[in-house]
Structure formats: structure tokens, C-alpha cells
């Protein structure tokens, strides 16, 4: 579907934004933001923080090309510094602390310092007395060191613990770059009237498992041992973005199914996991997206999913809403089709009448599947989406008031079932003959209907459908619309259609 306008569909974020605002309270410093892949997590966070007086650093480790033995945390620090510079902090005039300048000086001038020290070493050949004097001085220095160590062991312990902050790769590392980030964040906060600083690490579950747990362990070590700052680097809030179910599966695959995941992961959030669910927003947007589309290729008076009065519009909308509800289709699949052209392709199907092969235009359900397949991407994706819908109870999906029993939406399905049972020629010959036909389904449901000529195109459509059940009162039996839809799809596959 090629774009006809550069305008993109903007999904409203009002409803999930209210939930997130309530979650993002002052004392909620660590947030695990969870949602399925493609549900719009990144889009939501970008749009939400555009309207907030907060300084946000948004990172995507999935974009890093990290070798197995390379420390991903060094790249995290690199990107934080890069984005801080992009925010216009005047680094040249920034007054750095002695801790940063000393670390930088030692790194830069190590060779020169060693060279100057070597110059002070006496030449070989000094007298034994001189050597003895030197030895005595060294012993005196050691004795003084030993006495000091005995006086305050607490200070020695602190110094020992502090030494780990300079070890590269240590989970407690606080090297010069870490200290620089801390000071730059304080400057940024001062320049923005005390606005909160927020670090977002996105797509956490899409990177290599080793790097996932490296990042988590670094943050965990800070939560466990640091008291000066609530979060690593001094950010007011850290938001880790992922699908918690993916992280759980990766964790169990790495450490074993019996290892407690909850006890491991709960230290990474201050409160409960924030579960991002915008399915209702996407459902409400489907009608707008369908209505924005243009249909080319003829037959618009028949197949017009962009017309809310058209049979196909209501059915396609209902199917897509079901697929969104069970997370088989997401925002990334649907919104790119806003303001696009759908070119209806007319072709002969493998189904045949006694005269010739049947065209797809004569089978409404084929047109529906073709349309949805182009949104999802391929036949396998369509099949999986239909299966997932059939496995769930979607009776709560909004439907037309006069269609509570799905009779309206069953029209193209019954047509496929009848064509499969009696052949297309017999089905087509029933158009407008006023006869009531009955189809008894193995599930126990029965359907009585007439066959009408839809839009005078000699396209048969079951109408006046009445649903019954072999055990009596049909209201006591729940009809799973998507199971019938999947059955019709499977029949078309048996004819050789929708196979990758």
C-alpha cells in the first residue's frame, strides 16, 4: 500500500498517559515498563515526555554492535554523555571536581610520571651504607603505615571497598566518566530549574541475554550498595522498557525453570511493574485508519472497507479488533496504512465452478483475507493471528447492536462453507430464488438463510441468517466467531490458497 500523503496517523495516548502519570510519582524511582513487542511502548514514552518538564535520556542498546566480550555498559555511558552534550550543556566552562581531574591526569600522564620517578632511582654501585640507610627509611615508612592501619581499621575497610569503584568492568565501578556524568546531570538539573532527570533504557529484551543481565546487575549493585543517590549516575528515575514475559523466559532459559525469577527482578522496580496496554486505543483507531484509505481497482461499490456503511468495513474492523485484543496484530502493523491506497487485485482462485475457476471478487471472505493479509504481512502471520483469536474468548468485543449473534458477520463465512459443501455453481444458482437453506454444522449450530445478489453483481451473500442449535435454546451455547473464521480459512488453504 503506497502512501498518498506524508501525514502519519498519531495514536492518541490520553488513556494510558493517565495511568502512567499516576504510576510516575515522586517516590517511584525505578520503573519497569512492560508491554508486548510492537505495542507502541517507545512511541508512547516519546510522546508522553514531549509534554513533560523533565530531562530525558532515551537509549536503545539493541542498536549497539557489541561483541560477546565487550562491556555493553561502556556503550551506555558513551551514549549518555553523547546525549548530554546534545542538550547544550556548556562543558568547556564546567568546573570539574578533583576526583575527575585527578583520574584524567593519571590516565593521560601515566608514562611521564613513571619516567620522572625512574630518574630519581640512584645509579647502581652505591655503598652498602647508603643501601642500608635506604632500607632503614623504608622500614620506618612501613612501620608508620602499619601503625596507622591498626589505629583505624574502619578507614582501611572503606579504602578497600572504594578501590572496587576504579576497577574497569566491576559492577560497582565509578570511573572518571561515571563521575563526569553525575556532575553533568547536576548541571543539567540546575539549568532546567530542578527538572527531574530520567534515563530510559529501551528494548531491553531484544539484546543478547549476557548483556541483559550485565545491565540489570550493574543497576542492581547500585540499588543494593549505594545510599548517596537513588539511581546509577544520579538520575532521578530509571525506566527499563521490555516485555516482562520475554525477560522471564530468557532468565529461566539461562538459569533454569526452578530458579526464582520474581525475587531477582523485583529489585529493579520501586513498586509494581507498569503494564502498558493500549489495545483499546488501537481498537478505537481502527475505524479511523480504515476510513482514511482509498480503494483502487474497481468494484468500490461492492468492496469498500473505507465506507462505514459497507458490509466489509464492519467485518474487517471486527476481525482486526479481535487480533489486536489477543496481541496478534499491533500498532506497527496497522498505523502505517493510514491515508494509503489499497489496490484491489482481481484474480482467479483455485475454487472452480462447472464452467470456470471462481474469481476472488465472487467470494467476499477471500477479499477480506487478502486485505488483512496485506496489513499483517504474509499468509503465515494471518493464519497464526486467526488461530490465536480462535483460542480466546472475544465475546466482549464491541459489535453492532443488531449483530449480537454474529449473523451479520457470518455471511461470507457461510458462503465459503456452502461452496465447499455443495460447489460454487449450486451456491450461485440459489441467488434470489427465495428458498430458505439450512446448514447443520458439526459443532451443533445450525444456520438457516437465503442467498441474495449483493449489489446486483451476481455475487451470492447469505442473508436473513437465523442461528439455532441441535440441543435447543441457542442462547445457552456460545458461538465462537473466530473458530468459524479459522475453519473457512483452513478450507481455502486446502484449495491451495494462503500458503507461503
Protein backbone atom coordinates (compact mmCIF):
# COMPACT_ATOMS: atom_id res chain seq x y z
CA UNK A 1 0.00 0.00 0.00
CA UNK A 2 1.94 3.07 -1.14
CA UNK A 3 1.48 6.30 0.81
CA UNK A 4 -0.52 9.04 -0.86
CA UNK A 5 0.17 11.66 1.83
CA UNK A 6 3.15 12.22 4.11
CA UNK A 7 0.82 12.62 7.07
CA UNK A 8 1.11 9.84 9.62
CA UNK A 9 -1.54 8.59 11.97
CA UNK A 10 -0.92 9.66 15.55
CA UNK A 11 -2.31 7.27 18.07
CA UNK A 12 -3.89 9.12 21.00
CA UNK A 13 -2.11 8.48 24.29
CA UNK A 14 -4.55 10.13 26.72
CA UNK A 15 -5.86 6.97 28.41
CA UNK A 16 -2.54 5.18 29.05
CA UNK A 17 -0.93 8.55 29.88
CA UNK A 18 -3.25 8.99 32.84
CA UNK A 19 -2.33 5.56 34.20
CA UNK A 20 1.37 6.25 33.69
CA UNK A 21 1.13 9.65 35.36
CA UNK A 22 -0.31 8.01 38.46
CA UNK A 23 2.48 5.45 38.39
CA UNK A 24 5.23 8.03 37.86
CA UNK A 25 5.01 9.54 41.33
CA UNK A 26 7.82 11.33 43.13
CA UNK A 27 8.88 8.35 45.24
CA UNK A 28 8.76 5.85 42.35
CA UNK A 29 12.42 5.97 41.32
CA UNK A 30 12.81 2.68 39.42
CA UNK A 31 10.20 1.67 36.85
CA UNK A 32 9.87 -1.50 34.82
CA UNK A 33 7.74 -0.55 31.82
CA UNK A 34 6.37 -3.73 30.24
CA UNK A 35 4.41 -4.35 27.06
CA UNK A 36 4.45 -6.73 24.07
CA UNK A 37 6.74 -6.06 21.13
CA UNK A 38 5.16 -3.59 18.72
CA UNK A 39 2.52 -2.38 21.19
CA UNK A 40 3.78 1.20 20.94
CA UNK A 41 5.88 1.48 24.11
CA UNK A 42 8.58 3.66 22.52
CA UNK A 43 6.04 5.84 20.72
CA UNK A 44 4.10 6.35 23.92
CA UNK A 45 7.15 7.28 26.01
CA UNK A 46 8.40 9.74 23.39
CA UNK A 47 5.01 11.41 23.08
CA UNK A 48 4.43 11.42 26.83
CA UNK A 49 7.74 13.06 27.76
CA UNK A 50 7.43 15.63 24.98
CA UNK A 51 4.81 17.28 27.17
CA UNK A 52 6.76 16.93 30.42
CA UNK A 53 9.18 19.35 32.07
CA UNK A 54 11.75 16.60 32.53
CA UNK A 55 15.22 15.96 31.09
CA UNK A 56 15.14 12.57 29.40
CA UNK A 57 18.00 10.41 28.12
CA UNK A 58 16.46 7.66 25.92
CA UNK A 59 18.79 4.81 24.95
CA UNK A 60 18.38 1.80 22.63
CA UNK A 61 21.06 -0.83 23.39
CA UNK A 62 19.61 -3.06 20.65
CA UNK A 63 21.30 -0.72 18.15
CA UNK A 64 24.76 -1.44 19.55
CA UNK A 65 27.07 -3.81 17.72
CA UNK A 66 28.51 -5.42 20.83
CA UNK A 67 30.90 -8.35 20.73
CA UNK A 68 30.48 -11.10 23.31
CA UNK A 69 33.45 -9.91 25.37
CA UNK A 70 32.77 -6.19 25.07
CA UNK A 71 31.20 -4.38 28.00
CA UNK A 72 27.81 -3.01 26.96
CA UNK A 73 27.83 -0.70 29.97
CA UNK A 74 30.69 1.30 28.46
CA UNK A 75 28.48 1.97 25.44
CA UNK A 76 25.66 3.02 27.75
CA UNK A 77 27.98 5.60 29.33
CA UNK A 78 29.10 6.73 25.86
CA UNK A 79 25.51 7.35 24.74
CA UNK A 80 24.57 9.12 27.96
CA UNK A 81 27.49 11.52 27.54
CA UNK A 82 26.66 11.99 23.84
CA UNK A 83 23.04 12.90 24.61
CA UNK A 84 24.06 15.18 27.49
CA UNK A 85 26.33 17.09 25.11
CA UNK A 86 23.45 17.28 22.62
CA UNK A 87 21.37 19.05 25.28
CA UNK A 88 23.77 22.01 25.10
CA UNK A 89 25.49 21.80 28.47
CA UNK A 90 28.45 24.19 28.44
CA UNK A 91 31.11 21.59 29.18
CA UNK A 92 34.04 23.91 28.38
CA UNK A 93 33.17 26.22 31.25
CA UNK A 94 32.17 23.44 33.62
CA UNK A 95 34.19 23.31 36.85
CA UNK A 96 35.08 19.67 37.46
CA UNK A 97 35.89 18.14 40.86
CA UNK A 98 39.37 16.92 41.91
CA UNK A 99 38.17 13.31 41.62
CA UNK A 100 37.55 13.75 37.88
CA UNK A 101 40.63 15.82 37.09
CA UNK A 102 42.97 13.53 39.10
CA UNK A 103 41.62 10.43 37.37
CA UNK A 104 42.00 12.08 33.98
CA UNK A 105 45.51 13.35 34.82
CA UNK A 106 46.74 9.91 35.91
CA UNK A 107 45.32 8.31 32.77
CA UNK A 108 46.82 10.92 30.45
CA UNK A 109 50.24 11.35 32.10
CA UNK A 110 50.98 7.87 33.43
CA UNK A 111 54.05 7.38 31.25
CA UNK A 112 55.55 10.78 32.13
CA UNK A 113 55.02 10.21 35.86
CA UNK A 114 56.76 6.84 35.74
CA UNK A 115 59.64 8.34 33.74
CA UNK A 116 60.16 11.12 36.29
CA UNK A 117 60.06 8.60 39.13
CA UNK A 118 62.70 6.41 37.45
CA UNK A 119 65.01 9.43 37.20
CA UNK A 120 65.07 9.56 40.98
CA UNK A 121 66.37 5.99 41.35
CA UNK A 122 70.12 6.01 42.29
CA UNK A 123 72.61 4.52 39.90
CA UNK A 124 73.99 1.05 40.57
CA UNK A 125 77.15 1.00 42.66
CA UNK A 126 76.15 2.91 45.80
CA UNK A 127 77.86 1.91 49.06
CA UNK A 128 76.37 -0.60 51.42
CA UNK A 129 75.87 2.17 53.97
CA UNK A 130 73.72 4.10 51.56
CA UNK A 131 71.74 0.97 50.75
CA UNK A 132 71.33 0.29 54.46
CA UNK A 133 70.16 3.84 55.09
CA UNK A 134 67.58 3.47 52.35
CA UNK A 135 66.41 0.17 53.79
CA UNK A 136 66.04 1.70 57.24
CA UNK A 137 63.94 4.53 55.83
CA UNK A 138 61.68 2.05 54.01
CA UNK A 139 61.26 0.04 57.20
CA UNK A 140 60.37 3.19 59.11
CA UNK A 141 57.79 4.10 56.47
CA UNK A 142 56.30 0.63 56.64
CA UNK A 143 56.21 0.76 60.44
CA UNK A 144 54.33 4.05 60.25
CA UNK A 145 51.89 2.57 57.71
CA UNK A 146 51.37 -0.47 59.94
CA UNK A 147 50.64 1.69 62.96
CA UNK A 148 48.13 3.76 61.01
CA UNK A 149 46.41 0.63 59.75
CA UNK A 150 46.00 -0.61 63.32
CA UNK A 151 44.63 2.68 64.58
CA UNK A 152 41.56 2.85 62.31
CA UNK A 153 40.61 -0.41 60.59
CA UNK A 154 37.29 1.16 59.54
CA UNK A 155 39.13 3.56 57.26
CA UNK A 156 41.11 0.69 55.78
CA UNK A 157 37.89 -1.19 55.03
CA UNK A 158 36.40 1.89 53.41
CA UNK A 159 39.52 2.32 51.29
CA UNK A 160 39.35 -1.33 50.26
CA UNK A 161 35.71 -1.02 49.25
CA UNK A 162 36.43 2.22 47.45
CA UNK A 163 39.11 0.50 45.38
CA UNK A 164 36.46 -1.54 43.57
CA UNK A 165 34.95 1.62 42.12
CA UNK A 166 38.09 2.10 39.99
CA UNK A 167 38.20 -1.45 38.61
CA UNK A 168 37.01 -1.39 34.98
CA UNK A 169 34.15 -3.80 34.44
CA UNK A 170 33.26 -4.03 38.13
CA UNK A 171 29.54 -3.77 38.80
CA UNK A 172 30.43 -1.09 41.40
CA UNK A 173 32.65 0.85 39.01
CA UNK A 174 32.62 4.64 39.32
CA UNK A 175 35.35 5.76 36.97
CA UNK A 176 36.00 9.25 35.70
CA UNK A 177 33.30 9.03 33.06
CA UNK A 178 30.72 7.92 35.62
CA UNK A 179 31.66 10.83 37.87
CA UNK A 180 31.55 13.17 34.87
CA UNK A 181 28.01 12.01 34.05
CA UNK A 182 26.98 12.63 37.66
CA UNK A 183 28.29 16.19 37.61
CA UNK A 184 26.83 16.96 34.18
CA UNK A 185 23.42 15.71 35.35
CA UNK A 186 23.60 18.07 38.31
CA UNK A 187 24.45 20.92 35.93
CA UNK A 188 21.58 19.95 33.60
CA UNK A 189 19.18 19.89 36.52
CA UNK A 190 20.33 23.31 37.71
CA UNK A 191 19.96 24.76 34.20
CA UNK A 192 16.39 23.43 33.97
CA UNK A 193 15.07 24.73 37.29
CA UNK A 194 15.45 21.42 39.07
CA UNK A 195 13.57 19.35 36.45
CA UNK A 196 13.80 15.60 37.04
CA UNK A 197 16.41 13.67 35.09
CA UNK A 198 15.20 10.38 33.62
CA UNK A 199 17.13 7.55 31.99
CA UNK A 200 15.14 5.26 29.69
CA UNK A 201 16.76 2.03 28.51
CA UNK A 202 14.51 0.71 25.75
CA UNK A 203 14.16 -2.71 24.06
CA UNK A 204 15.98 -4.41 26.93
CA UNK A 205 14.59 -7.82 25.98
CA UNK A 206 15.89 -7.56 22.40
CA UNK A 207 19.60 -7.66 23.21
CA UNK A 208 21.85 -10.63 23.93
CA UNK A 209 20.97 -12.34 27.25
CA UNK A 210 24.52 -11.82 28.58
CA UNK A 211 24.18 -8.08 28.05
CA UNK A 212 20.65 -8.00 29.52
CA UNK A 213 21.83 -9.39 32.83
CA UNK A 214 25.05 -7.35 32.77
CA UNK A 215 22.96 -4.17 32.66
CA UNK A 216 20.50 -5.42 35.25
CA UNK A 217 23.29 -6.47 37.60
CA UNK A 218 25.05 -3.10 37.37
CA UNK A 219 21.85 -1.28 38.30
CA UNK A 220 21.09 -3.87 40.97
CA UNK A 221 24.51 -3.38 42.59
CA UNK A 222 23.83 0.34 42.81
CA UNK A 223 20.42 -0.22 44.44
CA UNK A 224 21.96 -2.63 46.94
CA UNK A 225 25.10 -0.74 47.99
CA UNK A 226 24.68 2.96 47.24
CA UNK A 227 22.94 5.39 49.55
CA UNK A 228 24.09 8.76 48.17
CA UNK A 229 21.98 8.56 45.02
CA UNK A 230 18.72 6.68 44.30
CA UNK A 231 19.89 5.52 40.88
CA UNK A 232 23.04 4.84 38.88
CA UNK A 233 24.72 8.05 37.62
CA UNK A 234 22.40 10.13 39.81
CA UNK A 235 19.29 10.02 37.59
CA UNK A 236 16.10 10.79 39.48
CA UNK A 237 14.31 7.97 37.70
CA UNK A 238 15.40 4.97 35.66
CA UNK A 239 12.87 3.32 33.32
CA UNK A 240 13.69 -0.12 31.93
CA UNK A 241 11.50 -0.93 28.90
CA UNK A 242 10.80 -4.52 27.87
CA UNK A 243 8.24 -7.29 27.79
CA UNK A 244 8.48 -8.80 31.27
CA UNK A 245 7.35 -12.16 29.86
CA UNK A 246 10.33 -12.21 27.50
CA UNK A 247 12.75 -11.37 30.31
CA UNK A 248 11.23 -14.14 32.42
CA UNK A 249 11.61 -16.69 29.62
CA UNK A 250 15.22 -15.62 28.97
CA UNK A 251 16.00 -15.81 32.68
CA UNK A 252 14.62 -19.34 33.03
CA UNK A 253 16.40 -20.47 29.84
CA UNK A 254 19.69 -19.19 31.28
CA UNK A 255 19.37 -20.18 34.92
CA UNK A 256 16.75 -22.93 34.93
CA UNK A 257 12.98 -23.13 35.25
CA UNK A 258 13.11 -23.68 39.02
CA UNK A 259 15.16 -20.55 39.79
CA UNK A 260 13.07 -17.79 41.37
CA UNK A 261 12.59 -15.00 38.83
CA UNK A 262 10.35 -12.77 40.95
CA UNK A 263 12.94 -12.48 43.70
CA UNK A 264 15.52 -11.45 41.12
CA UNK A 265 13.51 -8.94 39.14
CA UNK A 266 11.57 -7.13 41.87
CA UNK A 267 14.64 -5.11 42.94
CA UNK A 268 14.58 -3.33 39.57
CA UNK A 269 11.33 -1.50 40.27
CA UNK A 270 10.20 0.52 43.26
CA UNK A 271 6.57 -0.53 43.02
CA UNK A 272 4.73 -2.96 40.77
CA UNK A 273 5.57 -3.49 37.09
CA UNK A 274 3.82 -0.92 34.90
CA UNK A 275 1.91 -2.95 32.30
CA UNK A 276 1.41 -0.86 29.19
CA UNK A 277 -1.80 -1.77 27.39
CA UNK A 278 -3.04 0.43 24.56
CA UNK A 279 -5.15 -2.24 22.83
CA UNK A 280 -8.34 -0.26 23.48
CA UNK A 281 -6.78 2.85 21.92
CA UNK A 282 -5.73 0.85 18.84
CA UNK A 283 -9.20 -0.72 18.60
CA UNK A 284 -10.82 2.71 18.65
CA UNK A 285 -8.39 3.93 16.00
CA UNK A 286 -9.00 1.09 13.53
CA UNK A 287 -12.16 2.70 12.14
CA UNK A 288 -10.32 5.99 11.52
CA UNK A 289 -7.49 4.20 9.74
CA UNK A 290 -9.85 2.16 7.56
CA UNK A 291 -11.90 5.26 6.71
CA UNK A 292 -8.74 7.13 5.64
CA UNK A 293 -7.83 4.57 2.97
CA UNK A 294 -8.60 4.80 -0.72
CA UNK A 295 -9.60 1.72 -2.73
CA UNK A 296 -8.47 1.30 -6.32
CA UNK A 297 -9.02 -1.43 -8.88
CA UNK A 298 -12.74 -1.16 -9.40
CA UNK A 299 -15.66 -2.73 -7.52
CA UNK A 300 -15.68 0.06 -4.92
CA UNK A 301 -19.47 -0.11 -4.76
CA UNK A 302 -19.03 -3.71 -3.60
CA UNK A 303 -15.77 -3.91 -1.65
CA UNK A 304 -15.33 -0.68 0.33
CA UNK A 305 -13.69 -1.28 3.73
CA UNK A 306 -13.25 2.52 3.96
CA UNK A 307 -17.03 3.05 3.97
CA UNK A 308 -18.60 2.57 7.39
CA UNK A 309 -21.89 1.60 5.71
CA UNK A 310 -20.23 -1.20 3.77
CA UNK A 311 -20.53 -4.86 4.81
CA UNK A 312 -16.79 -5.39 4.54
CA UNK A 313 -15.90 -2.39 6.70
CA UNK A 314 -17.72 -3.76 9.73
CA UNK A 315 -16.35 -7.29 9.32
CA UNK A 316 -12.73 -6.23 8.74
CA UNK A 317 -12.89 -3.82 11.68
CA UNK A 318 -14.24 -6.56 13.95
CA UNK A 319 -11.57 -9.08 12.89
CA UNK A 320 -8.75 -6.56 13.35
CA UNK A 321 -10.08 -5.57 16.77
CA UNK A 322 -10.03 -9.24 17.76
CA UNK A 323 -6.46 -9.63 16.54
CA UNK A 324 -5.38 -6.54 18.46
CA UNK A 325 -7.15 -7.77 21.60
CA UNK A 326 -5.17 -11.03 21.62
CA UNK A 327 -1.99 -9.14 20.63
CA UNK A 328 -1.68 -10.93 17.31
CA UNK A 329 -1.61 -7.57 15.50
CA UNK A 330 -0.05 -4.42 16.87
CA UNK A 331 0.15 -0.73 16.22
CA UNK A 332 3.19 -1.07 13.97
CA UNK A 333 1.17 -3.26 11.62
CA UNK A 334 -1.91 -1.07 11.37
CA UNK A 335 -0.98 2.61 11.61
CA UNK A 336 1.31 2.67 8.52
CA UNK A 337 -1.84 2.11 6.41
CA UNK A 338 -3.35 5.46 7.38
CA UNK A 339 -4.01 7.56 4.27
CA UNK A 340 -2.86 4.85 1.88
CA UNK A 341 -4.20 3.23 -1.26
CA UNK A 342 -5.34 -0.38 -1.29
CA UNK A 343 -5.25 -1.75 -4.82
CA UNK A 344 -7.85 -4.45 -5.21
CA UNK A 345 -6.34 -7.25 -7.27
CA UNK A 346 -8.83 -9.43 -9.19
CA UNK A 347 -7.67 -12.98 -9.86
CA UNK A 348 -8.97 -16.49 -10.38
CA UNK A 349 -8.94 -18.71 -7.32
CA UNK A 350 -8.30 -22.49 -7.23
CA UNK A 351 -12.01 -22.95 -6.48
CA UNK A 352 -13.95 -23.82 -9.62
CA UNK A 353 -17.48 -24.00 -10.94
CA UNK A 354 -18.66 -26.32 -13.69
CA UNK A 355 -17.72 -23.62 -16.19
CA UNK A 356 -14.55 -21.95 -14.95
CA UNK A 357 -12.47 -21.02 -11.95
CA UNK A 358 -14.12 -18.69 -9.46
CA UNK A 359 -12.78 -15.16 -9.19
CA UNK A 360 -11.83 -13.79 -5.79
CA UNK A 361 -14.31 -10.97 -6.28
CA UNK A 362 -17.09 -13.58 -6.07
CA UNK A 363 -16.01 -14.73 -2.59
CA UNK A 364 -16.29 -11.98 -0.01
CA UNK A 365 -14.21 -13.78 2.59
CA UNK A 366 -11.30 -14.07 0.16
CA UNK A 367 -11.38 -10.29 -0.29
CA UNK A 368 -11.36 -9.88 3.49
CA UNK A 369 -8.44 -12.26 3.98
CA UNK A 370 -6.49 -10.62 1.15
CA UNK A 371 -6.96 -7.21 2.75
CA UNK A 372 -5.96 -8.29 6.26
CA UNK A 373 -3.04 -10.33 4.95
CA UNK A 374 -1.58 -7.19 3.40
CA UNK A 375 -1.79 -5.46 6.78
CA UNK A 376 -0.21 -8.37 8.68
CA UNK A 377 2.41 -9.08 6.04
CA UNK A 378 2.05 -12.70 4.98
CA UNK A 379 -0.23 -15.74 4.97
CA UNK A 380 1.52 -17.42 7.90
CA UNK A 381 1.03 -14.35 10.06
CA UNK A 382 -2.65 -14.28 9.08
CA UNK A 383 -3.04 -17.94 9.99
CA UNK A 384 -1.36 -17.52 13.38
CA UNK A 385 -3.47 -14.45 14.15
CA UNK A 386 -6.69 -16.32 13.34
CA UNK A 387 -5.61 -19.27 15.48
CA UNK A 388 -4.82 -17.04 18.43
CA UNK A 389 -8.22 -15.36 18.12
CA UNK A 390 -9.94 -18.75 17.98
CA UNK A 391 -8.23 -19.81 21.20
CA UNK A 392 -9.58 -16.84 23.16
CA UNK A 393 -12.97 -15.66 24.33
CA UNK A 394 -13.62 -12.47 22.38
CA UNK A 395 -17.32 -12.22 23.15
CA UNK A 396 -16.73 -8.83 24.81
CA UNK A 397 -15.58 -7.23 21.55
CA UNK A 398 -17.84 -4.33 20.58
CA UNK A 399 -20.28 -5.24 17.81
CA UNK A 400 -23.29 -3.74 16.10
CA UNK A 401 -26.40 -3.81 18.28
CA UNK A 402 -28.29 -5.89 15.74
CA UNK A 403 -25.44 -8.37 15.40
CA UNK A 404 -25.06 -9.85 18.88
CA UNK A 405 -25.15 -13.39 17.48
CA UNK A 406 -22.70 -12.64 14.66
CA UNK A 407 -25.33 -13.29 11.97
CA UNK A 408 -24.24 -10.18 10.05
CA UNK A 409 -20.56 -11.13 10.13
CA UNK A 410 -21.21 -14.80 9.37
CA UNK A 411 -22.37 -14.06 5.82
CA UNK A 412 -19.06 -14.53 3.97
CA UNK A 413 -18.09 -17.47 6.21
CA UNK A 414 -21.27 -19.41 5.47
CA UNK A 415 -20.73 -18.73 1.77
CA UNK A 416 -17.33 -20.49 1.90
CA UNK A 417 -18.72 -23.38 3.94
CA UNK A 418 -21.55 -23.88 1.44
CA UNK A 419 -19.30 -23.58 -1.61
CA UNK A 420 -17.05 -26.21 -0.05
CA UNK A 421 -20.01 -28.49 0.73
CA UNK A 422 -22.11 -28.18 -2.44
CA UNK A 423 -19.90 -26.46 -5.02
CA UNK A 424 -19.93 -22.90 -6.25
CA UNK A 425 -22.37 -23.47 -9.11
CA UNK A 426 -25.10 -24.71 -6.77
CA UNK A 427 -24.49 -21.83 -4.37
CA UNK A 428 -24.63 -19.24 -7.15
CA UNK A 429 -27.79 -20.73 -8.63
CA UNK A 430 -29.52 -20.09 -5.29
CA UNK A 431 -29.23 -16.32 -5.67
CA UNK A 432 -32.64 -14.67 -5.27
CA UNK A 433 -34.59 -17.94 -5.53
CA UNK A 434 -36.39 -17.11 -2.22
CA UNK A 435 -35.64 -20.56 -0.86
CA UNK A 436 -34.51 -20.96 2.75
CA UNK A 437 -31.40 -23.11 3.07
CA UNK A 438 -30.17 -24.83 6.20
CA UNK A 439 -26.65 -25.73 7.09
CA UNK A 440 -26.06 -28.03 10.06
CA UNK A 441 -22.57 -27.55 11.41
CA UNK A 442 -20.69 -30.33 13.26
CA UNK A 443 -20.35 -28.02 16.27
CA UNK A 444 -24.09 -28.33 16.87
CA UNK A 445 -25.01 -24.92 15.48
CA UNK A 446 -27.35 -24.65 12.52
CA UNK A 447 -27.77 -21.76 10.12
CA UNK A 448 -30.85 -21.06 8.01
CA UNK A 449 -30.57 -18.35 5.36
CA UNK A 450 -31.44 -17.13 1.91
CA UNK A 451 -28.93 -16.21 -0.80
CA UNK A 452 -29.09 -12.63 -2.06
CA UNK A 453 -27.50 -10.89 -5.04
CA UNK A 454 -25.14 -8.40 -3.41
CA UNK A 455 -25.10 -5.00 -5.20
CA UNK A 456 -26.52 -6.64 -8.36
CA UNK A 457 -23.14 -8.19 -9.11
CA UNK A 458 -24.29 -11.79 -9.18
CA UNK A 459 -22.29 -12.31 -6.01
CA UNK A 460 -24.10 -14.58 -3.62
CA UNK A 461 -24.33 -13.46 0.01
CA UNK A 462 -26.28 -15.36 2.70
CA UNK A 463 -28.88 -13.08 4.27
CA UNK A 464 -31.64 -13.34 6.87
CA UNK A 465 -29.45 -15.74 8.82
CA UNK A 466 -31.04 -17.46 11.79
CA UNK A 467 -28.83 -19.37 14.19
CA UNK A 468 -30.04 -22.47 16.01
CA UNK A 469 -28.55 -25.33 17.99
CA UNK A 470 -29.31 -29.02 17.98
CA UNK A 471 -29.69 -29.03 21.77
CA UNK A 472 -32.40 -26.41 21.80
CA UNK A 473 -32.02 -22.88 23.16
CA UNK A 474 -29.18 -21.31 21.20
CA UNK A 475 -28.62 -18.66 23.89
CA UNK A 476 -27.17 -21.37 26.15
CA UNK A 477 -24.38 -22.04 23.67
CA UNK A 478 -21.60 -19.56 22.94
CA UNK A 479 -20.72 -19.23 19.27
CA UNK A 480 -17.01 -18.60 18.77
CA UNK A 481 -16.99 -16.47 15.65
CA UNK A 482 -13.25 -16.74 15.15
CA UNK A 483 -13.31 -20.54 15.17
CA UNK A 484 -15.71 -20.46 12.23
CA UNK A 485 -13.49 -17.86 10.58
CA UNK A 486 -10.45 -20.12 11.04
CA UNK A 487 -12.37 -23.10 9.64
CA UNK A 488 -13.20 -21.17 6.47
CA UNK A 489 -9.56 -20.08 6.19
CA UNK A 490 -8.42 -23.70 6.54
CA UNK A 491 -10.81 -24.72 3.75
CA UNK A 492 -9.28 -22.11 1.45
CA UNK A 493 -5.82 -23.43 2.37
CA UNK A 494 -6.97 -26.92 1.33
CA UNK A 495 -7.68 -25.46 -2.12
CA UNK A 496 -4.09 -24.16 -2.21
CA UNK A 497 -4.66 -20.56 -1.09
CA UNK A 498 -2.81 -18.62 1.64
CA UNK A 499 0.23 -20.83 1.76
CA UNK A 500 3.69 -19.29 1.91
